[in-house]
N, C-alpha and C. Protein backbone atom coordinates (compact mmCIF):
# COMPACT_ATOMS: atom_id res chain seq x y z
N MET A 1 -24.99 41.46 -85.81
CA MET A 1 -24.38 41.21 -87.11
C MET A 1 -24.28 42.53 -87.87
N THR A 2 -23.16 42.76 -88.52
CA THR A 2 -22.96 43.99 -89.27
C THR A 2 -23.09 43.74 -90.76
N ALA A 3 -23.15 44.83 -91.51
CA ALA A 3 -23.25 44.73 -92.97
C ALA A 3 -22.07 43.93 -93.52
N MET A 4 -22.33 43.20 -94.58
CA MET A 4 -21.31 42.32 -95.16
C MET A 4 -20.65 42.98 -96.39
N LEU A 5 -19.95 44.07 -96.16
CA LEU A 5 -19.23 44.71 -97.25
C LEU A 5 -17.98 43.91 -97.59
N PHE A 6 -17.64 43.86 -98.85
CA PHE A 6 -16.47 43.13 -99.30
C PHE A 6 -15.30 44.11 -99.41
N GLU A 7 -14.21 43.78 -98.74
CA GLU A 7 -13.03 44.63 -98.79
C GLU A 7 -12.36 44.50 -100.15
N GLN A 8 -12.14 45.62 -100.81
CA GLN A 8 -11.58 45.64 -102.16
C GLN A 8 -10.26 44.89 -102.24
N LYS A 9 -10.14 44.12 -103.33
CA LYS A 9 -8.91 43.37 -103.61
C LYS A 9 -8.57 43.50 -105.08
N THR A 10 -7.29 43.54 -105.37
CA THR A 10 -6.82 43.50 -106.75
C THR A 10 -6.22 42.12 -106.98
N ARG A 11 -6.66 41.49 -108.08
CA ARG A 11 -6.19 40.13 -108.39
C ARG A 11 -5.69 40.10 -109.84
N MET A 12 -4.86 39.13 -110.12
CA MET A 12 -4.29 38.96 -111.46
C MET A 12 -5.11 37.92 -112.22
N MET A 13 -5.49 38.28 -113.45
CA MET A 13 -6.23 37.35 -114.30
C MET A 13 -5.24 36.48 -115.07
N LYS A 14 -5.75 35.44 -115.72
CA LYS A 14 -4.90 34.51 -116.47
C LYS A 14 -4.10 35.19 -117.57
N ASP A 15 -4.61 36.31 -118.11
CA ASP A 15 -3.91 36.98 -119.20
C ASP A 15 -2.90 38.02 -118.70
N GLY A 16 -2.70 38.08 -117.37
CA GLY A 16 -1.71 38.99 -116.80
C GLY A 16 -2.25 40.36 -116.43
N ARG A 17 -3.47 40.66 -116.84
CA ARG A 17 -4.07 41.95 -116.45
C ARG A 17 -4.63 41.84 -115.04
N GLU A 18 -4.81 43.01 -114.42
CA GLU A 18 -5.40 43.05 -113.09
C GLU A 18 -6.90 43.29 -113.17
N CYS A 19 -7.59 42.75 -112.18
CA CYS A 19 -9.00 43.06 -112.00
C CYS A 19 -9.19 43.47 -110.54
N VAL A 20 -10.23 44.22 -110.29
CA VAL A 20 -10.53 44.69 -108.95
C VAL A 20 -11.86 44.07 -108.51
N LEU A 21 -11.85 43.43 -107.36
CA LEU A 21 -13.05 42.87 -106.74
C LEU A 21 -13.44 43.79 -105.59
N ALA A 22 -14.72 44.20 -105.54
CA ALA A 22 -15.17 45.12 -104.50
C ALA A 22 -16.68 45.01 -104.35
N SER A 23 -17.18 45.54 -103.25
CA SER A 23 -18.63 45.69 -103.10
C SER A 23 -19.12 46.66 -104.18
N PRO A 24 -20.37 46.54 -104.57
CA PRO A 24 -20.87 47.45 -105.61
C PRO A 24 -20.93 48.89 -105.11
N ASP A 25 -20.65 49.81 -106.00
CA ASP A 25 -20.75 51.23 -105.69
C ASP A 25 -22.11 51.71 -106.20
N PRO A 26 -22.99 52.17 -105.32
CA PRO A 26 -24.30 52.65 -105.78
C PRO A 26 -24.20 53.73 -106.85
N ASN A 27 -23.09 54.46 -106.90
CA ASN A 27 -22.90 55.46 -107.95
C ASN A 27 -22.68 54.82 -109.32
N ASP A 28 -22.42 53.52 -109.35
CA ASP A 28 -22.24 52.79 -110.60
C ASP A 28 -23.55 52.16 -111.09
N ALA A 29 -24.68 52.64 -110.60
CA ALA A 29 -25.97 52.02 -110.93
C ALA A 29 -26.17 51.91 -112.45
N LYS A 30 -25.92 52.97 -113.19
CA LYS A 30 -26.12 52.92 -114.65
C LYS A 30 -25.18 51.89 -115.28
N SER A 31 -23.92 51.87 -114.86
CA SER A 31 -22.97 50.88 -115.40
C SER A 31 -23.40 49.46 -115.07
N MET A 32 -23.94 49.27 -113.87
CA MET A 32 -24.41 47.94 -113.47
C MET A 32 -25.60 47.52 -114.34
N LEU A 33 -26.52 48.43 -114.59
CA LEU A 33 -27.67 48.11 -115.44
C LEU A 33 -27.21 47.78 -116.87
N ASP A 34 -26.24 48.53 -117.38
CA ASP A 34 -25.69 48.25 -118.72
C ASP A 34 -25.03 46.87 -118.74
N TYR A 35 -24.29 46.55 -117.69
CA TYR A 35 -23.64 45.24 -117.56
C TYR A 35 -24.69 44.11 -117.57
N LEU A 36 -25.74 44.27 -116.76
CA LEU A 36 -26.78 43.25 -116.67
C LEU A 36 -27.46 43.04 -118.03
N LYS A 37 -27.73 44.13 -118.71
CA LYS A 37 -28.36 44.04 -120.03
C LYS A 37 -27.44 43.33 -121.02
N THR A 38 -26.16 43.65 -120.99
CA THR A 38 -25.20 42.99 -121.87
C THR A 38 -25.18 41.49 -121.60
N CYS A 39 -25.12 41.10 -120.34
CA CYS A 39 -25.12 39.67 -120.01
C CYS A 39 -26.38 38.99 -120.53
N ALA A 40 -27.51 39.65 -120.38
CA ALA A 40 -28.78 39.08 -120.84
C ALA A 40 -28.83 38.98 -122.36
N GLU A 41 -28.16 39.89 -123.06
CA GLU A 41 -28.10 39.84 -124.53
C GLU A 41 -27.19 38.72 -125.01
N GLU A 42 -26.18 38.38 -124.22
CA GLU A 42 -25.16 37.44 -124.68
C GLU A 42 -25.53 35.98 -124.49
N THR A 43 -26.48 35.68 -123.62
CA THR A 43 -26.79 34.28 -123.33
C THR A 43 -28.21 34.13 -122.80
N ASP A 44 -28.76 32.95 -123.02
CA ASP A 44 -30.06 32.60 -122.42
C ASP A 44 -29.88 31.96 -121.05
N ASN A 45 -28.66 31.96 -120.54
CA ASN A 45 -28.36 31.24 -119.31
C ASN A 45 -28.47 32.07 -118.04
N ILE A 46 -29.02 33.27 -118.16
CA ILE A 46 -29.35 34.03 -116.96
C ILE A 46 -30.86 34.20 -116.89
N LEU A 47 -31.36 34.72 -115.80
CA LEU A 47 -32.79 34.64 -115.50
C LEU A 47 -33.69 35.65 -116.19
N ARG A 48 -33.11 36.56 -116.96
CA ARG A 48 -33.98 37.51 -117.63
C ARG A 48 -33.47 37.86 -119.02
N TYR A 49 -34.40 38.40 -119.80
CA TYR A 49 -34.07 38.89 -121.12
C TYR A 49 -33.65 40.35 -121.02
N PRO A 50 -32.95 40.87 -122.05
CA PRO A 50 -32.46 42.26 -121.98
C PRO A 50 -33.57 43.27 -121.68
N GLU A 51 -34.73 43.09 -122.29
CA GLU A 51 -35.82 44.05 -122.08
C GLU A 51 -36.38 44.00 -120.66
N GLU A 52 -36.03 42.96 -119.91
CA GLU A 52 -36.46 42.87 -118.52
C GLU A 52 -35.48 43.56 -117.57
N CYS A 53 -34.39 44.05 -118.10
CA CYS A 53 -33.44 44.85 -117.31
C CYS A 53 -33.90 46.30 -117.37
N ASP A 54 -35.05 46.53 -116.78
CA ASP A 54 -35.73 47.82 -116.96
C ASP A 54 -35.80 48.67 -115.70
N GLU A 55 -34.97 48.36 -114.72
CA GLU A 55 -34.95 49.19 -113.53
C GLU A 55 -34.41 50.57 -113.88
N SER A 56 -34.87 51.56 -113.17
CA SER A 56 -34.33 52.90 -113.35
C SER A 56 -32.98 52.98 -112.63
N ASN A 57 -32.20 53.98 -112.97
CA ASN A 57 -30.93 54.19 -112.28
C ASN A 57 -31.16 54.34 -110.78
N GLU A 58 -32.23 55.04 -110.41
CA GLU A 58 -32.54 55.25 -109.00
C GLU A 58 -32.90 53.93 -108.31
N GLN A 59 -33.67 53.09 -108.97
CA GLN A 59 -34.02 51.79 -108.39
C GLN A 59 -32.78 50.92 -108.20
N GLU A 60 -31.90 50.92 -109.19
CA GLU A 60 -30.68 50.12 -109.08
C GLU A 60 -29.77 50.68 -107.99
N GLU A 61 -29.68 51.99 -107.90
CA GLU A 61 -28.86 52.61 -106.85
C GLU A 61 -29.38 52.21 -105.47
N THR A 62 -30.69 52.23 -105.29
CA THR A 62 -31.29 51.81 -104.02
C THR A 62 -31.00 50.34 -103.75
N PHE A 63 -31.14 49.50 -104.77
CA PHE A 63 -30.86 48.07 -104.63
C PHE A 63 -29.42 47.85 -104.18
N LEU A 64 -28.48 48.50 -104.83
CA LEU A 64 -27.07 48.34 -104.49
C LEU A 64 -26.77 48.86 -103.07
N ARG A 65 -27.38 49.95 -102.73
CA ARG A 65 -27.20 50.49 -101.38
C ARG A 65 -27.73 49.49 -100.34
N ASN A 66 -28.90 48.92 -100.62
CA ASN A 66 -29.49 47.93 -99.70
C ASN A 66 -28.61 46.69 -99.56
N ILE A 67 -28.03 46.24 -100.67
CA ILE A 67 -27.11 45.10 -100.62
C ILE A 67 -25.94 45.43 -99.70
N ASN A 68 -25.39 46.62 -99.88
CA ASN A 68 -24.22 47.01 -99.08
C ASN A 68 -24.54 47.19 -97.60
N GLU A 69 -25.80 47.42 -97.27
CA GLU A 69 -26.20 47.59 -95.87
C GLU A 69 -26.72 46.29 -95.25
N SER A 70 -26.83 45.24 -96.06
CA SER A 70 -27.44 43.99 -95.62
C SER A 70 -26.51 43.19 -94.70
N GLN A 71 -27.13 42.52 -93.76
CA GLN A 71 -26.43 41.59 -92.87
C GLN A 71 -26.41 40.18 -93.45
N TYR A 72 -27.21 39.92 -94.48
CA TYR A 72 -27.40 38.57 -95.00
C TYR A 72 -27.04 38.40 -96.47
N ASN A 73 -26.64 39.49 -97.12
CA ASN A 73 -26.29 39.43 -98.54
C ASN A 73 -24.98 40.16 -98.78
N VAL A 74 -24.17 39.60 -99.64
CA VAL A 74 -22.97 40.29 -100.08
C VAL A 74 -22.87 40.14 -101.59
N MET A 75 -22.51 41.22 -102.25
CA MET A 75 -22.28 41.19 -103.69
C MET A 75 -20.84 41.62 -103.93
N ILE A 76 -20.21 40.93 -104.86
CA ILE A 76 -18.87 41.30 -105.28
C ILE A 76 -18.94 41.64 -106.77
N VAL A 77 -18.42 42.80 -107.11
CA VAL A 77 -18.37 43.24 -108.49
C VAL A 77 -16.92 43.19 -108.94
N CYS A 78 -16.70 42.65 -110.13
CA CYS A 78 -15.36 42.59 -110.71
C CYS A 78 -15.26 43.63 -111.81
N LYS A 79 -14.24 44.48 -111.72
CA LYS A 79 -13.98 45.48 -112.76
C LYS A 79 -12.61 45.23 -113.37
N VAL A 80 -12.57 45.40 -114.69
CA VAL A 80 -11.33 45.31 -115.44
C VAL A 80 -11.18 46.64 -116.18
N ASP A 81 -10.13 47.37 -115.86
CA ASP A 81 -9.92 48.69 -116.46
C ASP A 81 -11.16 49.57 -116.34
N GLY A 82 -11.84 49.49 -115.19
CA GLY A 82 -13.03 50.31 -114.93
C GLY A 82 -14.32 49.75 -115.48
N ASP A 83 -14.25 48.71 -116.31
CA ASP A 83 -15.43 48.09 -116.92
C ASP A 83 -15.95 46.97 -116.01
N ILE A 84 -17.25 46.95 -115.76
CA ILE A 84 -17.81 45.86 -114.96
C ILE A 84 -17.76 44.59 -115.80
N ALA A 85 -16.96 43.63 -115.34
CA ALA A 85 -16.75 42.36 -116.04
C ALA A 85 -17.72 41.30 -115.55
N GLY A 86 -18.05 41.34 -114.26
CA GLY A 86 -18.91 40.32 -113.68
C GLY A 86 -19.32 40.68 -112.28
N ASN A 87 -20.21 39.87 -111.75
CA ASN A 87 -20.59 40.02 -110.35
C ASN A 87 -21.04 38.68 -109.81
N CYS A 88 -21.03 38.59 -108.50
CA CYS A 88 -21.52 37.39 -107.84
C CYS A 88 -22.19 37.81 -106.54
N ALA A 89 -22.99 36.92 -106.01
CA ALA A 89 -23.71 37.22 -104.77
C ALA A 89 -23.77 35.98 -103.89
N LEU A 90 -23.69 36.24 -102.62
CA LEU A 90 -23.85 35.21 -101.59
C LEU A 90 -25.01 35.66 -100.72
N THR A 91 -26.00 34.78 -100.54
CA THR A 91 -27.18 35.10 -99.76
C THR A 91 -27.29 34.12 -98.61
N LEU A 92 -27.19 34.65 -97.40
CA LEU A 92 -27.29 33.83 -96.19
C LEU A 92 -28.75 33.69 -95.78
N ASN A 93 -29.04 32.65 -95.02
CA ASN A 93 -30.37 32.46 -94.45
C ASN A 93 -30.33 32.86 -92.98
N LYS A 94 -31.38 33.50 -92.50
CA LYS A 94 -31.38 33.92 -91.09
C LYS A 94 -32.17 32.98 -90.20
N ARG A 95 -32.99 32.13 -90.74
CA ARG A 95 -33.77 31.18 -89.93
C ARG A 95 -32.86 30.10 -89.36
N LEU A 96 -33.06 29.73 -88.11
CA LEU A 96 -32.18 28.80 -87.41
C LEU A 96 -32.04 27.45 -88.12
N LYS A 97 -33.14 26.92 -88.64
CA LYS A 97 -33.08 25.59 -89.26
C LYS A 97 -32.32 25.57 -90.58
N ILE A 98 -32.17 26.71 -91.22
CA ILE A 98 -31.52 26.74 -92.53
C ILE A 98 -30.33 27.70 -92.60
N LYS A 99 -29.91 28.24 -91.46
CA LYS A 99 -28.82 29.20 -91.51
C LYS A 99 -27.47 28.57 -91.82
N HIS A 100 -27.40 27.24 -91.85
CA HIS A 100 -26.18 26.55 -92.26
C HIS A 100 -26.04 26.52 -93.79
N ARG A 101 -27.06 26.99 -94.50
CA ARG A 101 -27.08 26.99 -95.96
C ARG A 101 -27.02 28.42 -96.49
N ALA A 102 -26.43 28.58 -97.66
CA ALA A 102 -26.41 29.87 -98.35
C ALA A 102 -26.47 29.62 -99.85
N SER A 103 -27.02 30.57 -100.58
CA SER A 103 -27.09 30.43 -102.03
C SER A 103 -26.08 31.37 -102.68
N VAL A 104 -25.60 30.95 -103.84
CA VAL A 104 -24.65 31.74 -104.60
C VAL A 104 -25.15 31.91 -106.03
N ALA A 105 -24.73 33.01 -106.65
CA ALA A 105 -25.06 33.29 -108.04
C ALA A 105 -23.89 34.05 -108.64
N ILE A 106 -23.73 33.91 -109.95
CA ILE A 106 -22.59 34.54 -110.61
C ILE A 106 -22.93 34.79 -112.07
N ALA A 107 -22.35 35.86 -112.64
CA ALA A 107 -22.48 36.15 -114.07
C ALA A 107 -21.24 36.92 -114.53
N LEU A 108 -20.89 36.72 -115.79
CA LEU A 108 -19.74 37.41 -116.39
C LEU A 108 -20.08 37.80 -117.83
N LYS A 109 -19.58 38.96 -118.25
CA LYS A 109 -19.67 39.30 -119.66
C LYS A 109 -18.82 38.31 -120.45
N ARG A 110 -19.28 38.01 -121.64
CA ARG A 110 -18.61 37.01 -122.49
C ARG A 110 -17.12 37.34 -122.73
N LYS A 111 -16.79 38.60 -122.91
CA LYS A 111 -15.39 38.94 -123.23
C LYS A 111 -14.45 38.69 -122.06
N TYR A 112 -15.00 38.39 -120.88
CA TYR A 112 -14.17 38.11 -119.71
C TYR A 112 -14.20 36.62 -119.31
N TRP A 113 -14.80 35.78 -120.16
CA TRP A 113 -14.79 34.35 -119.90
C TRP A 113 -13.36 33.83 -120.03
N ASN A 114 -13.07 32.75 -119.32
CA ASN A 114 -11.79 32.02 -119.41
C ASN A 114 -10.58 32.81 -118.90
N LEU A 115 -10.82 33.79 -118.04
CA LEU A 115 -9.71 34.57 -117.48
C LEU A 115 -9.51 34.28 -115.99
N GLY A 116 -10.30 33.35 -115.43
CA GLY A 116 -10.16 32.99 -114.03
C GLY A 116 -11.01 33.82 -113.08
N ILE A 117 -11.81 34.73 -113.59
CA ILE A 117 -12.61 35.60 -112.74
C ILE A 117 -13.66 34.80 -111.97
N GLY A 118 -14.31 33.87 -112.63
CA GLY A 118 -15.33 33.06 -111.94
C GLY A 118 -14.73 32.31 -110.77
N THR A 119 -13.57 31.72 -110.97
CA THR A 119 -12.90 31.00 -109.89
C THR A 119 -12.55 31.95 -108.75
N MET A 120 -12.02 33.13 -109.09
CA MET A 120 -11.69 34.12 -108.05
C MET A 120 -12.91 34.50 -107.23
N MET A 121 -14.02 34.76 -107.91
CA MET A 121 -15.22 35.18 -107.19
C MET A 121 -15.75 34.05 -106.31
N PHE A 122 -15.68 32.81 -106.79
CA PHE A 122 -16.11 31.69 -105.95
C PHE A 122 -15.21 31.54 -104.73
N GLU A 123 -13.91 31.71 -104.91
CA GLU A 123 -13.00 31.63 -103.76
C GLU A 123 -13.40 32.64 -102.69
N GLU A 124 -13.73 33.85 -103.11
CA GLU A 124 -14.09 34.89 -102.15
C GLU A 124 -15.44 34.59 -101.48
N MET A 125 -16.42 34.13 -102.27
CA MET A 125 -17.73 33.80 -101.67
C MET A 125 -17.60 32.66 -100.67
N GLU A 126 -16.80 31.65 -101.03
CA GLU A 126 -16.61 30.51 -100.12
C GLU A 126 -15.91 30.94 -98.83
N LYS A 127 -14.95 31.83 -98.95
CA LYS A 127 -14.24 32.34 -97.76
C LYS A 127 -15.23 33.06 -96.83
N ILE A 128 -16.05 33.92 -97.39
CA ILE A 128 -17.04 34.64 -96.59
C ILE A 128 -18.01 33.65 -95.95
N ALA A 129 -18.47 32.68 -96.73
CA ALA A 129 -19.42 31.69 -96.21
C ALA A 129 -18.83 30.95 -95.02
N ARG A 130 -17.59 30.54 -95.13
CA ARG A 130 -16.94 29.84 -94.01
C ARG A 130 -16.84 30.75 -92.78
N GLU A 131 -16.51 32.02 -92.99
CA GLU A 131 -16.42 32.98 -91.87
C GLU A 131 -17.78 33.15 -91.18
N LYS A 132 -18.85 32.95 -91.93
CA LYS A 132 -20.21 33.08 -91.39
C LYS A 132 -20.77 31.74 -90.93
N ASN A 133 -19.91 30.73 -90.83
CA ASN A 133 -20.29 29.39 -90.37
C ASN A 133 -21.30 28.68 -91.26
N VAL A 134 -21.27 28.99 -92.54
CA VAL A 134 -22.11 28.30 -93.51
C VAL A 134 -21.48 26.94 -93.78
N LEU A 135 -22.31 25.91 -93.82
CA LEU A 135 -21.82 24.55 -94.05
C LEU A 135 -22.13 24.04 -95.45
N GLN A 136 -23.07 24.71 -96.14
CA GLN A 136 -23.50 24.21 -97.45
C GLN A 136 -23.84 25.38 -98.37
N LEU A 137 -23.23 25.41 -99.55
CA LEU A 137 -23.57 26.38 -100.58
C LEU A 137 -24.50 25.71 -101.60
N GLU A 138 -25.43 26.49 -102.11
CA GLU A 138 -26.42 25.97 -103.05
C GLU A 138 -26.53 26.90 -104.25
N LEU A 139 -26.81 26.32 -105.41
CA LEU A 139 -27.05 27.12 -106.60
C LEU A 139 -27.94 26.36 -107.56
N GLY A 140 -28.47 27.10 -108.50
CA GLY A 140 -29.24 26.52 -109.59
C GLY A 140 -28.80 27.20 -110.88
N PHE A 141 -28.79 26.44 -111.98
CA PHE A 141 -28.42 27.03 -113.27
C PHE A 141 -29.25 26.43 -114.38
N VAL A 142 -29.27 27.13 -115.50
CA VAL A 142 -30.05 26.73 -116.66
C VAL A 142 -29.42 25.49 -117.29
N GLY A 143 -30.21 24.43 -117.42
CA GLY A 143 -29.73 23.20 -118.03
C GLY A 143 -29.15 23.45 -119.41
N GLY A 144 -28.07 22.76 -119.72
CA GLY A 144 -27.39 22.95 -121.00
C GLY A 144 -26.24 23.94 -120.92
N ASN A 145 -26.11 24.64 -119.80
CA ASN A 145 -25.02 25.60 -119.63
C ASN A 145 -23.80 24.85 -119.12
N ASP A 146 -23.12 24.18 -120.04
CA ASP A 146 -21.98 23.34 -119.67
C ASP A 146 -20.81 24.15 -119.12
N ARG A 147 -20.63 25.38 -119.59
CA ARG A 147 -19.54 26.22 -119.06
C ARG A 147 -19.74 26.42 -117.56
N ALA A 148 -20.97 26.75 -117.16
CA ALA A 148 -21.25 26.95 -115.74
C ALA A 148 -21.06 25.64 -114.97
N ARG A 149 -21.62 24.55 -115.51
CA ARG A 149 -21.52 23.26 -114.82
C ARG A 149 -20.07 22.88 -114.57
N ILE A 150 -19.21 23.08 -115.56
CA ILE A 150 -17.80 22.74 -115.41
C ILE A 150 -17.15 23.58 -114.31
N LEU A 151 -17.45 24.87 -114.28
CA LEU A 151 -16.91 25.73 -113.21
C LEU A 151 -17.40 25.25 -111.85
N TYR A 152 -18.69 24.98 -111.74
CA TYR A 152 -19.25 24.58 -110.45
C TYR A 152 -18.66 23.24 -109.99
N GLU A 153 -18.52 22.30 -110.91
CA GLU A 153 -17.93 21.01 -110.55
C GLU A 153 -16.46 21.19 -110.13
N LYS A 154 -15.75 22.06 -110.84
CA LYS A 154 -14.35 22.35 -110.48
C LYS A 154 -14.27 22.92 -109.07
N ARG A 155 -15.27 23.67 -108.66
CA ARG A 155 -15.30 24.26 -107.32
C ARG A 155 -15.83 23.29 -106.27
N GLY A 156 -16.21 22.07 -106.68
CA GLY A 156 -16.63 21.06 -105.72
C GLY A 156 -18.13 20.91 -105.55
N PHE A 157 -18.91 21.56 -106.39
CA PHE A 157 -20.37 21.40 -106.34
C PHE A 157 -20.76 20.07 -106.97
N VAL A 158 -21.80 19.46 -106.44
CA VAL A 158 -22.34 18.22 -107.00
C VAL A 158 -23.83 18.40 -107.29
N LYS A 159 -24.28 17.75 -108.35
CA LYS A 159 -25.68 17.84 -108.74
C LYS A 159 -26.54 17.11 -107.71
N THR A 160 -27.63 17.76 -107.31
CA THR A 160 -28.55 17.15 -106.36
C THR A 160 -29.94 16.94 -106.94
N GLY A 161 -30.21 17.53 -108.08
CA GLY A 161 -31.52 17.36 -108.68
C GLY A 161 -31.76 18.35 -109.79
N LYS A 162 -33.01 18.38 -110.24
CA LYS A 162 -33.39 19.33 -111.27
C LYS A 162 -34.87 19.65 -111.16
N LYS A 163 -35.22 20.83 -111.63
CA LYS A 163 -36.61 21.25 -111.77
C LYS A 163 -36.90 21.20 -113.27
N PRO A 164 -37.66 20.21 -113.70
CA PRO A 164 -37.94 20.09 -115.13
C PRO A 164 -38.69 21.31 -115.67
N ASP A 165 -38.32 21.72 -116.88
CA ASP A 165 -39.01 22.80 -117.59
C ASP A 165 -39.13 24.07 -116.75
N ALA A 166 -38.11 24.39 -115.98
CA ALA A 166 -38.15 25.55 -115.09
C ALA A 166 -38.05 26.88 -115.85
N PHE A 167 -37.45 26.83 -117.06
CA PHE A 167 -37.27 28.05 -117.85
C PHE A 167 -37.97 27.87 -119.19
N TYR A 168 -38.75 28.87 -119.58
CA TYR A 168 -39.46 28.87 -120.85
C TYR A 168 -38.87 29.97 -121.71
N LEU A 169 -38.25 29.59 -122.81
CA LEU A 169 -37.56 30.55 -123.67
C LEU A 169 -38.49 31.08 -124.76
N LYS A 170 -38.10 32.21 -125.34
CA LYS A 170 -38.91 32.87 -126.37
C LYS A 170 -39.16 31.98 -127.58
N ASP A 171 -38.23 31.06 -127.86
CA ASP A 171 -38.40 30.18 -129.03
C ASP A 171 -39.38 29.04 -128.75
N GLY A 172 -39.97 29.04 -127.54
CA GLY A 172 -40.95 28.02 -127.19
C GLY A 172 -40.35 26.78 -126.53
N SER A 173 -39.05 26.75 -126.38
CA SER A 173 -38.41 25.59 -125.76
C SER A 173 -38.32 25.78 -124.24
N PHE A 174 -38.14 24.67 -123.56
CA PHE A 174 -37.99 24.67 -122.11
C PHE A 174 -36.57 24.25 -121.75
N ARG A 175 -36.11 24.70 -120.61
CA ARG A 175 -34.84 24.23 -120.06
C ARG A 175 -35.07 23.88 -118.59
N ASP A 176 -34.39 22.84 -118.15
CA ASP A 176 -34.45 22.46 -116.74
C ASP A 176 -33.59 23.40 -115.91
N GLU A 177 -33.89 23.50 -114.63
CA GLU A 177 -32.98 24.13 -113.70
C GLU A 177 -32.22 23.01 -112.99
N ILE A 178 -30.89 23.06 -113.07
CA ILE A 178 -30.05 22.05 -112.44
C ILE A 178 -29.65 22.58 -111.06
N LEU A 179 -29.85 21.76 -110.04
CA LEU A 179 -29.58 22.15 -108.67
C LEU A 179 -28.29 21.49 -108.19
N MET A 180 -27.44 22.27 -107.51
CA MET A 180 -26.16 21.75 -107.01
C MET A 180 -25.90 22.27 -105.62
N ILE A 181 -25.08 21.50 -104.86
CA ILE A 181 -24.64 21.95 -103.55
C ILE A 181 -23.15 21.68 -103.40
N LYS A 182 -22.56 22.40 -102.47
CA LYS A 182 -21.17 22.15 -102.08
C LYS A 182 -21.10 22.19 -100.57
N LYS A 183 -20.59 21.12 -99.98
CA LYS A 183 -20.36 21.09 -98.54
C LYS A 183 -19.06 21.81 -98.24
N LEU A 184 -19.08 22.69 -97.27
CA LEU A 184 -17.87 23.43 -96.90
C LEU A 184 -17.17 22.76 -95.74
């Protein structure tokens, strides 16, 4: 099995502008960290707070390089006019009993919501998954994130369960993790 690099593609967004989908460039480590921090500042619906985006540029560069060299992980970064708008990841399983399953994750900066980027990234992840003989995609998201739920349902995911109180927020409240799958 070889590394799962994503071949760069240019796609048209709903507003008529172009975006570029590609594997992450390790030289963009600082931009990626800034993007992650921005996403964490904009919503409680991702797994960390802004202050937890504390990797060094060198650590992020190594992480991105490792992703690009991986046989079991692929990341797609979306750029609009050079700005990182979003990213997604597909993680394959290597164990025989579970290699028919893969997990997906996605995030977008708020200013790029409703432009079709999430749908584009899911199309690409699903295509890769099918090429790798994956039969089932899995994801989890923060309960109450209706925007994400609507996208996932539109892509054919169905709810399979929840982990109660999986997320503890700074305000003292809890949120469930909602679990979904999609059969390919």
